[in-house]
Amino acid sequence: MELLHLNIEPPIWRRLLIPSGITFHKFHKLIQAAFDWQDYHLYLFDFNDFFVVNSDPDTPFHNIEKNPKKVKIDPVFKEYKQFLYEYDFGDSWMHEIVVEEVGISG
């Protein structure tokens, strides 16, 4: 998996090996560790058809929003090979995520 921080020169990117079976919340935590961030802000994954979003706990989810603590990455990564990750809704740090391979066994 490749993460590219958009609109930054020079480009900032990371390549990660992500374990299967994790939730999007855990995936977010791995991204935070890869960029050495402190997880202070809200985030979302944008798949065009729907969002996996860590929203305000007092705000209910809309029908196109999914809870990152409940949605597993595996079925989504099989269908979507490229999507956006937004971190910090105030500064709107946008990242393009490219799923390079799924289900590689050793």
PDB file of N, CA and C in Angstrom:
ATOM      1  N   MET A   1       0.845  -1.157   0.000  1.00  0.00           N
ATOM      2  CA  MET A   1       0.000   0.000   0.000  1.00  0.00           C
ATOM      3  C   MET A   1       0.890   1.219   0.000  1.00  0.00           C
ATOM      4  N   GLU A   2       0.507   2.192  -0.799  1.00  0.00           N
ATOM      5  CA  GLU A   2       1.268   3.429  -0.900  1.00  0.00           C
ATOM      6  C   GLU A   2       0.392   4.594  -0.476  1.00  0.00           C
ATOM      7  N   LEU A   3       0.942   5.473   0.375  1.00  0.00           N
ATOM      8  CA  LEU A   3       0.260   6.690   0.815  1.00  0.00           C
ATOM      9  C   LEU A   3       1.032   7.880   0.303  1.00  0.00           C
ATOM     10  N   LEU A   4       0.357   8.803  -0.340  1.00  0.00           N
ATOM     11  CA  LEU A   4       0.982  10.007  -0.856  1.00  0.00           C
ATOM     12  C   LEU A   4       0.270  11.208  -0.263  1.00  0.00           C
ATOM     13  N   HIS A   5       1.021  12.059   0.439  1.00  0.00           N
ATOM     14  CA  HIS A   5       0.472  13.295   1.007  1.00  0.00           C
ATOM     15  C   HIS A   5       0.330  14.278  -0.143  1.00  0.00           C
ATOM     16  N   LEU A   6      -0.906  14.661  -0.485  1.00  0.00           N
ATOM     17  CA  LEU A   6      -1.177  15.502  -1.651  1.00  0.00           C
ATOM     18  C   LEU A   6      -0.862  16.973  -1.390  1.00  0.00           C
ATOM     19  N   ASN A   7      -0.574  17.684  -2.447  1.00  0.00           N
ATOM     20  CA  ASN A   7      -0.345  19.130  -2.430  1.00  0.00           C
ATOM     21  C   ASN A   7       0.851  19.549  -1.583  1.00  0.00           C
ATOM     22  N   ILE A   8       1.848  18.693  -1.507  1.00  0.00           N
ATOM     23  CA  ILE A   8       3.071  19.003  -0.768  1.00  0.00           C
ATOM     24  C   ILE A   8       4.249  18.826  -1.721  1.00  0.00           C
ATOM     25  N   GLU A   9       5.168  19.786  -1.715  1.00  0.00           N
ATOM     26  CA  GLU A   9       6.389  19.675  -2.508  1.00  0.00           C
ATOM     27  C   GLU A   9       7.569  19.760  -1.569  1.00  0.00           C
ATOM     28  N   PRO A  10       8.512  18.863  -1.654  1.00  0.00           N
ATOM     29  CA  PRO A  10       8.514  17.652  -2.485  1.00  0.00           C
ATOM     30  C   PRO A  10       7.498  16.643  -1.947  1.00  0.00           C
ATOM     31  N   PRO A  11       7.117  15.672  -2.789  1.00  0.00           N
ATOM     32  CA  PRO A  11       6.118  14.676  -2.359  1.00  0.00           C
ATOM     33  C   PRO A  11       6.556  13.937  -1.094  1.00  0.00           C
ATOM     34  N   ILE A  12       5.587  13.712  -0.220  1.00  0.00           N
ATOM     35  CA  ILE A  12       5.817  12.935   1.002  1.00  0.00           C
ATOM     36  C   ILE A  12       4.967  11.684   0.880  1.00  0.00           C
ATOM     37  N   TRP A  13       5.588  10.504   0.955  1.00  0.00           N
ATOM     38  CA  TRP A  13       4.835   9.270   0.800  1.00  0.00           C
ATOM     39  C   TRP A  13       5.421   8.178   1.678  1.00  0.00           C
ATOM     40  N   ARG A  14       4.617   7.177   1.910  1.00  0.00           N
ATOM     41  CA  ARG A  14       5.017   6.001   2.681  1.00  0.00           C
ATOM     42  C   ARG A  14       4.469   4.762   1.982  1.00  0.00           C
ATOM     43  N   ARG A  15       5.187   3.678   2.079  1.00  0.00           N
ATOM     44  CA  ARG A  15       4.695   2.377   1.609  1.00  0.00           C
ATOM     45  C   ARG A  15       4.559   1.497   2.852  1.00  0.00           C
ATOM     46  N   LEU A  16       3.359   0.937   3.032  1.00  0.00           N
ATOM     47  CA  LEU A  16       3.061   0.162   4.231  1.00  0.00           C
ATOM     48  C   LEU A  16       2.591  -1.241   3.877  1.00  0.00           C
ATOM     49  N   LEU A  17       2.939  -2.183   4.700  1.00  0.00           N
ATOM     50  CA  LEU A  17       2.391  -3.531   4.642  1.00  0.00           C
ATOM     51  C   LEU A  17       1.352  -3.608   5.750  1.00  0.00           C
ATOM     52  N   ILE A  18       0.100  -3.802   5.365  1.00  0.00           N
ATOM     53  CA  ILE A  18      -1.025  -3.742   6.304  1.00  0.00           C
ATOM     54  C   ILE A  18      -1.555  -5.153   6.551  1.00  0.00           C
ATOM     55  N   PRO A  19      -1.722  -5.553   7.802  1.00  0.00           N
ATOM     56  CA  PRO A  19      -2.283  -6.886   8.066  1.00  0.00           C
ATOM     57  C   PRO A  19      -3.753  -6.966   7.686  1.00  0.00           C
ATOM     58  N   SER A  20      -4.193  -8.115   7.262  1.00  0.00           N
ATOM     59  CA  SER A  20      -5.606  -8.290   6.926  1.00  0.00           C
ATOM     60  C   SER A  20      -6.427  -8.401   8.211  1.00  0.00           C
ATOM     61  N   GLY A  21      -7.729  -8.196   8.058  1.00  0.00           N
ATOM     62  CA  GLY A  21      -8.647  -8.399   9.169  1.00  0.00           C
ATOM     63  C   GLY A  21      -8.768  -7.255  10.140  1.00  0.00           C
ATOM     64  N   ILE A  22      -8.082  -6.140   9.884  1.00  0.00           N
ATOM     65  CA  ILE A  22      -8.168  -5.016  10.822  1.00  0.00           C
ATOM     66  C   ILE A  22      -9.290  -4.066  10.408  1.00  0.00           C
ATOM     67  N   THR A  23      -9.697  -3.233  11.333  1.00  0.00           N
ATOM     68  CA  THR A  23     -10.715  -2.219  11.046  1.00  0.00           C
ATOM     69  C   THR A  23     -10.045  -0.983  10.448  1.00  0.00           C
ATOM     70  N   PHE A  24     -10.870  -0.097   9.919  1.00  0.00           N
ATOM     71  CA  PHE A  24     -10.335   1.163   9.413  1.00  0.00           C
ATOM     72  C   PHE A  24      -9.787   2.035  10.541  1.00  0.00           C
ATOM     73  N   HIS A  25     -10.294   1.873  11.741  1.00  0.00           N
ATOM     74  CA  HIS A  25      -9.741   2.614  12.876  1.00  0.00           C
ATOM     75  C   HIS A  25      -8.293   2.185  13.128  1.00  0.00           C
ATOM     76  N   LYS A  26      -8.036   0.893  13.100  1.00  0.00           N
ATOM     77  CA  LYS A  26      -6.674   0.385  13.284  1.00  0.00           C
ATOM     78  C   LYS A  26      -5.790   0.817  12.106  1.00  0.00           C
ATOM     79  N   PHE A  27      -6.346   0.787  10.900  1.00  0.00           N
ATOM     80  CA  PHE A  27      -5.612   1.253   9.728  1.00  0.00           C
ATOM     81  C   PHE A  27      -5.209   2.717   9.899  1.00  0.00           C
ATOM     82  N   HIS A  28      -6.125   3.534  10.386  1.00  0.00           N
ATOM     83  CA  HIS A  28      -5.826   4.945  10.684  1.00  0.00           C
ATOM     84  C   HIS A  28      -4.664   5.042  11.672  1.00  0.00           C
ATOM     85  N   LYS A  29      -4.674   4.214  12.702  1.00  0.00           N
ATOM     86  CA  LYS A  29      -3.592   4.229  13.707  1.00  0.00           C
ATOM     87  C   LYS A  29      -2.246   3.891  13.062  1.00  0.00           C
ATOM     88  N   LEU A  30      -2.240   2.953  12.112  1.00  0.00           N
ATOM     89  CA  LEU A  30      -1.002   2.596  11.413  1.00  0.00           C
ATOM     90  C   LEU A  30      -0.500   3.751  10.552  1.00  0.00           C
ATOM     91  N   ILE A  31      -1.413   4.469   9.916  1.00  0.00           N
ATOM     92  CA  ILE A  31      -1.032   5.647   9.137  1.00  0.00           C
ATOM     93  C   ILE A  31      -0.428   6.703  10.057  1.00  0.00           C
ATOM     94  N   GLN A  32      -1.053   6.914  11.214  1.00  0.00           N
ATOM     95  CA  GLN A  32      -0.537   7.879  12.186  1.00  0.00           C
ATOM     96  C   GLN A  32       0.900   7.535  12.587  1.00  0.00           C
ATOM     97  N   ALA A  33       1.149   6.268  12.840  1.00  0.00           N
ATOM     98  CA  ALA A  33       2.499   5.829  13.222  1.00  0.00           C
ATOM     99  C   ALA A  33       3.486   6.022  12.067  1.00  0.00           C
ATOM    100  N   ALA A  34       3.058   5.747  10.841  1.00  0.00           N
ATOM    101  CA  ALA A  34       3.944   5.866   9.679  1.00  0.00           C
ATOM    102  C   ALA A  34       4.405   7.307   9.459  1.00  0.00           C
ATOM    103  N   PHE A  35       3.541   8.274   9.764  1.00  0.00           N
ATOM    104  CA  PHE A  35       3.894   9.681   9.593  1.00  0.00           C
ATOM    105  C   PHE A  35       4.375  10.314  10.902  1.00  0.00           C
ATOM    106  N   ASP A  36       4.440   9.539  11.975  1.00  0.00           N
ATOM    107  CA  ASP A  36       4.867  10.013  13.288  1.00  0.00           C
ATOM    108  C   ASP A  36       3.992  11.169  13.782  1.00  0.00           C
ATOM    109  N   TRP A  37       2.667  10.994  13.597  1.00  0.00           N
ATOM    110  CA  TRP A  37       1.704  11.961  14.078  1.00  0.00           C
ATOM    111  C   TRP A  37       1.126  11.481  15.400  1.00  0.00           C
ATOM    112  N   GLN A  38       0.423  12.356  16.105  1.00  0.00           N
ATOM    113  CA  GLN A  38      -0.039  12.074  17.460  1.00  0.00           C
ATOM    114  C   GLN A  38      -1.536  11.785  17.570  1.00  0.00           C
ATOM    115  N   ASP A  39      -2.251  11.671  16.463  1.00  0.00           N
ATOM    116  CA  ASP A  39      -3.675  11.301  16.450  1.00  0.00           C
ATOM    117  C   ASP A  39      -4.541  12.294  17.238  1.00  0.00           C
ATOM    118  N   TYR A  40      -4.350  13.574  16.953  1.00  0.00           N
ATOM    119  CA  TYR A  40      -5.102  14.617  17.640  1.00  0.00           C
ATOM    120  C   TYR A  40      -6.372  15.038  16.918  1.00  0.00           C
ATOM    121  N   HIS A  41      -6.574  14.595  15.668  1.00  0.00           N
ATOM    122  CA  HIS A  41      -7.639  15.146  14.838  1.00  0.00           C
ATOM    123  C   HIS A  41      -8.567  14.061  14.304  1.00  0.00           C
ATOM    124  N   LEU A  42      -9.726  14.499  13.805  1.00  0.00           N
ATOM    125  CA  LEU A  42     -10.668  13.593  13.157  1.00  0.00           C
ATOM    126  C   LEU A  42     -10.143  13.201  11.779  1.00  0.00           C
ATOM    127  N   TYR A  43     -10.697  12.125  11.230  1.00  0.00           N
ATOM    128  CA  TYR A  43     -10.221  11.616   9.942  1.00  0.00           C
ATOM    129  C   TYR A  43     -11.371  10.974   9.189  1.00  0.00           C
ATOM    130  N   LEU A  44     -11.143  10.779   7.888  1.00  0.00           N
ATOM    131  CA  LEU A  44     -12.101  10.021   7.084  1.00  0.00           C
ATOM    132  C   LEU A  44     -11.387   9.379   5.910  1.00  0.00           C
ATOM    133  N   PHE A  45     -11.974   8.294   5.425  1.00  0.00           N
ATOM    134  CA  PHE A  45     -11.556   7.627   4.201  1.00  0.00           C
ATOM    135  C   PHE A  45     -12.673   7.855   3.199  1.00  0.00           C
ATOM    136  N   ASP A  46     -12.333   8.397   2.035  1.00  0.00           N
ATOM    137  CA  ASP A  46     -13.320   8.778   1.014  1.00  0.00           C
ATOM    138  C   ASP A  46     -13.246   7.803  -0.154  1.00  0.00           C
ATOM    139  N   PHE A  47     -14.336   7.043  -0.367  1.00  0.00           N
ATOM    140  CA  PHE A  47     -14.420   6.065  -1.442  1.00  0.00           C
ATOM    141  C   PHE A  47     -15.386   6.513  -2.544  1.00  0.00           C
ATOM    142  N   ASN A  48     -15.703   7.795  -2.592  1.00  0.00           N
ATOM    143  CA  ASN A  48     -16.667   8.386  -3.532  1.00  0.00           C
ATOM    144  C   ASN A  48     -18.096   7.938  -3.255  1.00  0.00           C
ATOM    145  N   ASP A  49     -18.368   6.630  -3.162  1.00  0.00           N
ATOM    146  CA  ASP A  49     -19.717   6.117  -2.892  1.00  0.00           C
ATOM    147  C   ASP A  49     -20.100   6.270  -1.418  1.00  0.00           C
ATOM    148  N   PHE A  50     -19.097   6.225  -0.559  1.00  0.00           N
ATOM    149  CA  PHE A  50     -19.327   6.285   0.887  1.00  0.00           C
ATOM    150  C   PHE A  50     -18.059   6.762   1.582  1.00  0.00           C
ATOM    151  N   PHE A  51     -18.200   7.082   2.865  1.00  0.00           N
ATOM    152  CA  PHE A  51     -17.086   7.506   3.702  1.00  0.00           C
ATOM    153  C   PHE A  51     -16.984   6.572   4.896  1.00  0.00           C
ATOM    154  N   VAL A  52     -15.778   6.277   5.298  1.00  0.00           N
ATOM    155  CA  VAL A  52     -15.529   5.667   6.601  1.00  0.00           C
ATOM    156  C   VAL A  52     -14.969   6.822   7.419  1.00  0.00           C
ATOM    157  N   VAL A  53     -15.736   7.248   8.411  1.00  0.00           N
ATOM    158  CA  VAL A  53     -15.419   8.526   9.041  1.00  0.00           C
ATOM    159  C   VAL A  53     -15.463   8.446  10.559  1.00  0.00           C
ATOM    160  N   ASN A  54     -14.446   9.041  11.175  1.00  0.00           N
ATOM    161  CA  ASN A  54     -14.389   9.211  12.619  1.00  0.00           C
ATOM    162  C   ASN A  54     -14.956  10.591  12.891  1.00  0.00           C
ATOM    163  N   SER A  55     -16.230  10.636  13.210  1.00  0.00           N
ATOM    164  CA  SER A  55     -16.891  11.931  13.375  1.00  0.00           C
ATOM    165  C   SER A  55     -17.098  12.243  14.844  1.00  0.00           C
ATOM    166  N   ASP A  56     -17.674  13.387  15.072  1.00  0.00           N
ATOM    167  CA  ASP A  56     -18.023  13.820  16.417  1.00  0.00           C
ATOM    168  C   ASP A  56     -18.946  12.772  17.040  1.00  0.00           C
ATOM    169  N   PRO A  57     -18.648  12.292  18.255  1.00  0.00           N
ATOM    170  CA  PRO A  57     -19.466  11.237  18.858  1.00  0.00           C
ATOM    171  C   PRO A  57     -20.924  11.632  19.081  1.00  0.00           C
ATOM    172  N   ASP A  58     -21.213  12.922  19.129  1.00  0.00           N
ATOM    173  CA  ASP A  58     -22.587  13.377  19.335  1.00  0.00           C
ATOM    174  C   ASP A  58     -23.369  13.497  18.027  1.00  0.00           C
ATOM    175  N   THR A  59     -22.690  13.289  16.888  1.00  0.00           N
ATOM    176  CA  THR A  59     -23.333  13.402  15.579  1.00  0.00           C
ATOM    177  C   THR A  59     -23.603  12.004  15.032  1.00  0.00           C
ATOM    178  N   PRO A  60     -24.834  11.675  14.711  1.00  0.00           N
ATOM    179  CA  PRO A  60     -25.123  10.337  14.164  1.00  0.00           C
ATOM    180  C   PRO A  60     -24.562  10.175  12.753  1.00  0.00           C
ATOM    181  N   PHE A  61     -24.303   8.940  12.359  1.00  0.00           N
ATOM    182  CA  PHE A  61     -23.806   8.644  11.026  1.00  0.00           C
ATOM    183  C   PHE A  61     -24.929   8.836  10.010  1.00  0.00           C
ATOM    184  N   HIS A  62     -24.578   9.362   8.835  1.00  0.00           N
ATOM    185  CA  HIS A  62     -25.513   9.451   7.711  1.00  0.00           C
ATOM    186  C   HIS A  62     -25.471   8.121   6.956  1.00  0.00           C
ATOM    187  N   ASN A  63     -26.381   7.925   6.019  1.00  0.00           N
ATOM    188  CA  ASN A  63     -26.464   6.636   5.330  1.00  0.00           C
ATOM    189  C   ASN A  63     -25.251   6.334   4.456  1.00  0.00           C
ATOM    190  N   ILE A  64     -24.447   7.331   4.065  1.00  0.00           N
ATOM    191  CA  ILE A  64     -23.243   7.048   3.279  1.00  0.00           C
ATOM    192  C   ILE A  64     -21.985   7.021   4.145  1.00  0.00           C
ATOM    193  N   GLU A  65     -22.154   7.117   5.461  1.00  0.00           N
ATOM    194  CA  GLU A  65     -21.025   7.093   6.388  1.00  0.00           C
ATOM    195  C   GLU A  65     -20.992   5.764   7.131  1.00  0.00           C
ATOM    196  N   LYS A  66     -19.783   5.245   7.302  1.00  0.00           N
ATOM    197  CA  LYS A  66     -19.597   3.997   8.020  1.00  0.00           C
ATOM    198  C   LYS A  66     -18.642   4.224   9.186  1.00  0.00           C
ATOM    199  N   ASN A  67     -18.855   3.478  10.245  1.00  0.00           N
ATOM    200  CA  ASN A  67     -18.061   3.594  11.466  1.00  0.00           C
ATOM    201  C   ASN A  67     -16.708   2.888  11.302  1.00  0.00           C
ATOM    202  N   PRO A  68     -15.587   3.608  11.476  1.00  0.00           N
ATOM    203  CA  PRO A  68     -14.270   3.001  11.282  1.00  0.00           C
ATOM    204  C   PRO A  68     -13.929   1.906  12.297  1.00  0.00           C
ATOM    205  N   LYS A  69     -14.624   1.900  13.433  1.00  0.00           N
ATOM    206  CA  LYS A  69     -14.360   0.862  14.433  1.00  0.00           C
ATOM    207  C   LYS A  69     -15.115  -0.432  14.128  1.00  0.00           C
ATOM    208  N   LYS A  70     -16.009  -0.399  13.125  1.00  0.00           N
ATOM    209  CA  LYS A  70     -16.802  -1.582  12.788  1.00  0.00           C
ATOM    210  C   LYS A  70     -16.510  -2.137  11.399  1.00  0.00           C
ATOM    211  N   VAL A  71     -15.977  -1.313  10.497  1.00  0.00           N
ATOM    212  CA  VAL A  71     -15.763  -1.743   9.109  1.00  0.00           C
ATOM    213  C   VAL A  71     -14.349  -2.293   8.949  1.00  0.00           C
ATOM    214  N   LYS A  72     -14.259  -3.516   8.428  1.00  0.00           N
ATOM    215  CA  LYS A  72     -12.961  -4.152   8.171  1.00  0.00           C
ATOM    216  C   LYS A  72     -12.444  -3.744   6.791  1.00  0.00           C
ATOM    217  N   ILE A  73     -11.125  -3.697   6.658  1.00  0.00           N
ATOM    218  CA  ILE A  73     -10.504  -3.236   5.420  1.00  0.00           C
ATOM    219  C   ILE A  73     -10.607  -4.251   4.277  1.00  0.00           C
ATOM    220  N   ASP A  74     -10.604  -5.546   4.559  1.00  0.00           N
ATOM    221  CA  ASP A  74     -10.466  -6.574   3.522  1.00  0.00           C
ATOM    222  C   ASP A  74     -11.483  -6.476   2.383  1.00  0.00           C
ATOM    223  N   PRO A  75     -12.784  -6.487   2.655  1.00  0.00           N
ATOM    224  CA  PRO A  75     -13.726  -6.432   1.536  1.00  0.00           C
ATOM    225  C   PRO A  75     -13.661  -5.107   0.771  1.00  0.00           C
ATOM    226  N   VAL A  76     -13.355  -4.028   1.467  1.00  0.00           N
ATOM    227  CA  VAL A  76     -13.277  -2.723   0.815  1.00  0.00           C
ATOM    228  C   VAL A  76     -12.049  -2.655  -0.091  1.00  0.00           C
ATOM    229  N   PHE A  77     -10.909  -3.149   0.381  1.00  0.00           N
ATOM    230  CA  PHE A  77      -9.680  -3.117  -0.409  1.00  0.00           C
ATOM    231  C   PHE A  77      -9.772  -4.006  -1.644  1.00  0.00           C
ATOM    232  N   LYS A  78     -10.584  -5.039  -1.603  1.00  0.00           N
ATOM    233  CA  LYS A  78     -10.759  -5.885  -2.791  1.00  0.00           C
ATOM    234  C   LYS A  78     -11.510  -5.148  -3.886  1.00  0.00           C
ATOM    235  N   GLU A  79     -12.387  -4.235  -3.498  1.00  0.00           N
ATOM    236  CA  GLU A  79     -13.192  -3.498  -4.471  1.00  0.00           C
ATOM    237  C   GLU A  79     -12.585  -2.159  -4.873  1.00  0.00           C
ATOM    238  N   TYR A  80     -11.953  -1.472  -3.934  1.00  0.00           N
ATOM    239  CA  TYR A  80     -11.406  -0.131  -4.179  1.00  0.00           C
ATOM    240  C   TYR A  80      -9.890  -0.174  -4.084  1.00  0.00           C
ATOM    241  N   LYS A  81      -9.224   0.163  -5.170  1.00  0.00           N
ATOM    242  CA  LYS A  81      -7.756   0.124  -5.219  1.00  0.00           C
ATOM    243  C   LYS A  81      -7.128   1.495  -5.014  1.00  0.00           C
ATOM    244  N   GLN A  82      -7.942   2.540  -5.038  1.00  0.00           N
ATOM    245  CA  GLN A  82      -7.443   3.888  -4.843  1.00  0.00           C
ATOM    246  C   GLN A  82      -8.538   4.713  -4.159  1.00  0.00           C
ATOM    247  N   PHE A  83      -8.144   5.464  -3.125  1.00  0.00           N
ATOM    248  CA  PHE A  83      -9.103   6.283  -2.390  1.00  0.00           C
ATOM    249  C   PHE A  83      -8.349   7.362  -1.629  1.00  0.00           C
ATOM    250  N   LEU A  84      -9.084   8.229  -0.961  1.00  0.00           N
ATOM    251  CA  LEU A  84      -8.474   9.333  -0.226  1.00  0.00           C
ATOM    252  C   LEU A  84      -8.615   9.136   1.281  1.00  0.00           C
ATOM    253  N   TYR A  85      -7.622   9.608   1.990  1.00  0.00           N
ATOM    254  CA  TYR A  85      -7.619   9.662   3.453  1.00  0.00           C
ATOM    255  C   TYR A  85      -7.430  11.122   3.817  1.00  0.00           C
ATOM    256  N   GLU A  86      -8.373  11.674   4.578  1.00  0.00           N
ATOM    257  CA  GLU A  86      -8.255  13.049   5.041  1.00  0.00           C
ATOM    258  C   GLU A  86      -8.035  13.039   6.541  1.00  0.00           C
ATOM    259  N   TYR A  87      -7.032  13.777   6.978  1.00  0.00           N
ATOM    260  CA  TYR A  87      -6.715  13.894   8.395  1.00  0.00           C
ATOM    261  C   TYR A  87      -6.725  15.370   8.766  1.00  0.00           C
ATOM    262  N   ASP A  88      -7.362  15.702   9.862  1.00  0.00           N
ATOM    263  CA  ASP A  88      -7.473  17.064  10.374  1.00  0.00           C
ATOM    264  C   ASP A  88      -8.388  17.884   9.476  1.00  0.00           C
ATOM    265  N   PHE A  89      -9.663  17.888   9.791  1.00  0.00           N
ATOM    266  CA  PHE A  89     -10.659  18.566   8.963  1.00  0.00           C
ATOM    267  C   PHE A  89     -10.427  20.073   8.882  1.00  0.00           C
ATOM    268  N   GLY A  90      -9.736  20.653   9.854  1.00  0.00           N
ATOM    269  CA  GLY A  90      -9.419  22.086   9.805  1.00  0.00           C
ATOM    270  C   GLY A  90      -8.356  22.393   8.762  1.00  0.00           C
ATOM    271  N   ASP A  91      -7.244  21.651   8.790  1.00  0.00           N
ATOM    272  CA  ASP A  91      -6.159  21.849   7.821  1.00  0.00           C
ATOM    273  C   ASP A  91      -6.357  21.008   6.567  1.00  0.00           C
ATOM    274  N   SER A  92      -7.201  19.991   6.651  1.00  0.00           N
ATOM    275  CA  SER A  92      -7.548  19.131   5.518  1.00  0.00           C
ATOM    276  C   SER A  92      -6.318  18.537   4.840  1.00  0.00           C
ATOM    277  N   TRP A  93      -5.576  17.742   5.570  1.00  0.00           N
ATOM    278  CA  TRP A  93      -4.415  17.052   4.999  1.00  0.00           C
ATOM    279  C   TRP A  93      -4.925  15.868   4.196  1.00  0.00           C
ATOM    280  N   MET A  94      -4.793  15.938   2.887  1.00  0.00           N
ATOM    281  CA  MET A  94      -5.317  14.915   1.982  1.00  0.00           C
ATOM    282  C   MET A  94      -4.204  13.964   1.553  1.00  0.00           C
ATOM    283  N   HIS A  95      -4.544  12.679   1.511  1.00  0.00           N
ATOM    284  CA  HIS A  95      -3.596  11.645   1.112  1.00  0.00           C
ATOM    285  C   HIS A  95      -4.264  10.716   0.110  1.00  0.00           C
ATOM    286  N   GLU A  96      -3.550  10.391  -0.924  1.00  0.00           N
ATOM    287  CA  GLU A  96      -4.026   9.386  -1.874  1.00  0.00           C
ATOM    288  C   GLU A  96      -3.473   8.044  -1.428  1.00  0.00           C
ATOM    289  N   ILE A  97      -4.353   7.062  -1.309  1.00  0.00           N
ATOM    290  CA  ILE A  97      -3.941   5.718  -0.923  1.00  0.00           C
ATOM    291  C   ILE A  97      -4.159   4.802  -2.112  1.00  0.00           C
ATOM    292  N   VAL A  98      -3.115   4.038  -2.437  1.00  0.00           N
ATOM    293  CA  VAL A  98      -3.175   3.081  -3.534  1.00  0.00           C
ATOM    294  C   VAL A  98      -2.925   1.689  -2.946  1.00  0.00           C
ATOM    295  N   VAL A  99      -3.896   0.812  -3.109  1.00  0.00           N
ATOM    296  CA  VAL A  99      -3.755  -0.575  -2.665  1.00  0.00           C
ATOM    297  C   VAL A  99      -3.024  -1.313  -3.777  1.00  0.00           C
ATOM    298  N   GLU A 100      -1.821  -1.784  -3.484  1.00  0.00           N
ATOM    299  CA  GLU A 100      -1.004  -2.410  -4.512  1.00  0.00           C
ATOM    300  C   GLU A 100      -1.288  -3.895  -4.666  1.00  0.00           C
ATOM    301  N   GLU A 101      -1.475  -4.578  -3.564  1.00  0.00           N
ATOM    302  CA  GLU A 101      -1.774  -6.013  -3.604  1.00  0.00           C
ATOM    303  C   GLU A 101      -2.621  -6.369  -2.392  1.00  0.00           C
ATOM    304  N   VAL A 102      -3.463  -7.379  -2.548  1.00  0.00           N
ATOM    305  CA  VAL A 102      -4.322  -7.838  -1.457  1.00  0.00           C
ATOM    306  C   VAL A 102      -4.157  -9.340  -1.325  1.00  0.00           C
ATOM    307  N   GLY A 103      -4.082  -9.822  -0.096  1.00  0.00           N
ATOM    308  CA  GLY A 103      -4.110 -11.248   0.183  1.00  0.00           C
ATOM    309  C   GLY A 103      -2.874 -12.009  -0.219  1.00  0.00           C
ATOM    310  N   ILE A 104      -1.704 -11.420  -0.025  1.00  0.00           N
ATOM    311  CA  ILE A 104      -0.467 -12.136  -0.315  1.00  0.00           C
ATOM    312  C   ILE A 104      -0.164 -13.051   0.868  1.00  0.00           C
ATOM    313  N   SER A 105       0.083 -14.312   0.586  1.00  0.00           N
ATOM    314  CA  SER A 105       0.447 -15.236   1.664  1.00  0.00           C
ATOM    315  C   SER A 105       1.890 -15.645   1.506  1.00  0.00           C
ATOM    316  N   GLY A 106       2.508 -15.903   2.644  1.00  0.00           N
ATOM    317  CA  GLY A 106       3.926 -16.211   2.638  1.00  0.00           C
ATOM    318  C   GLY A 106       4.181 -17.593   2.543  1.00  0.00           C
TER     319      GLY A 106
END
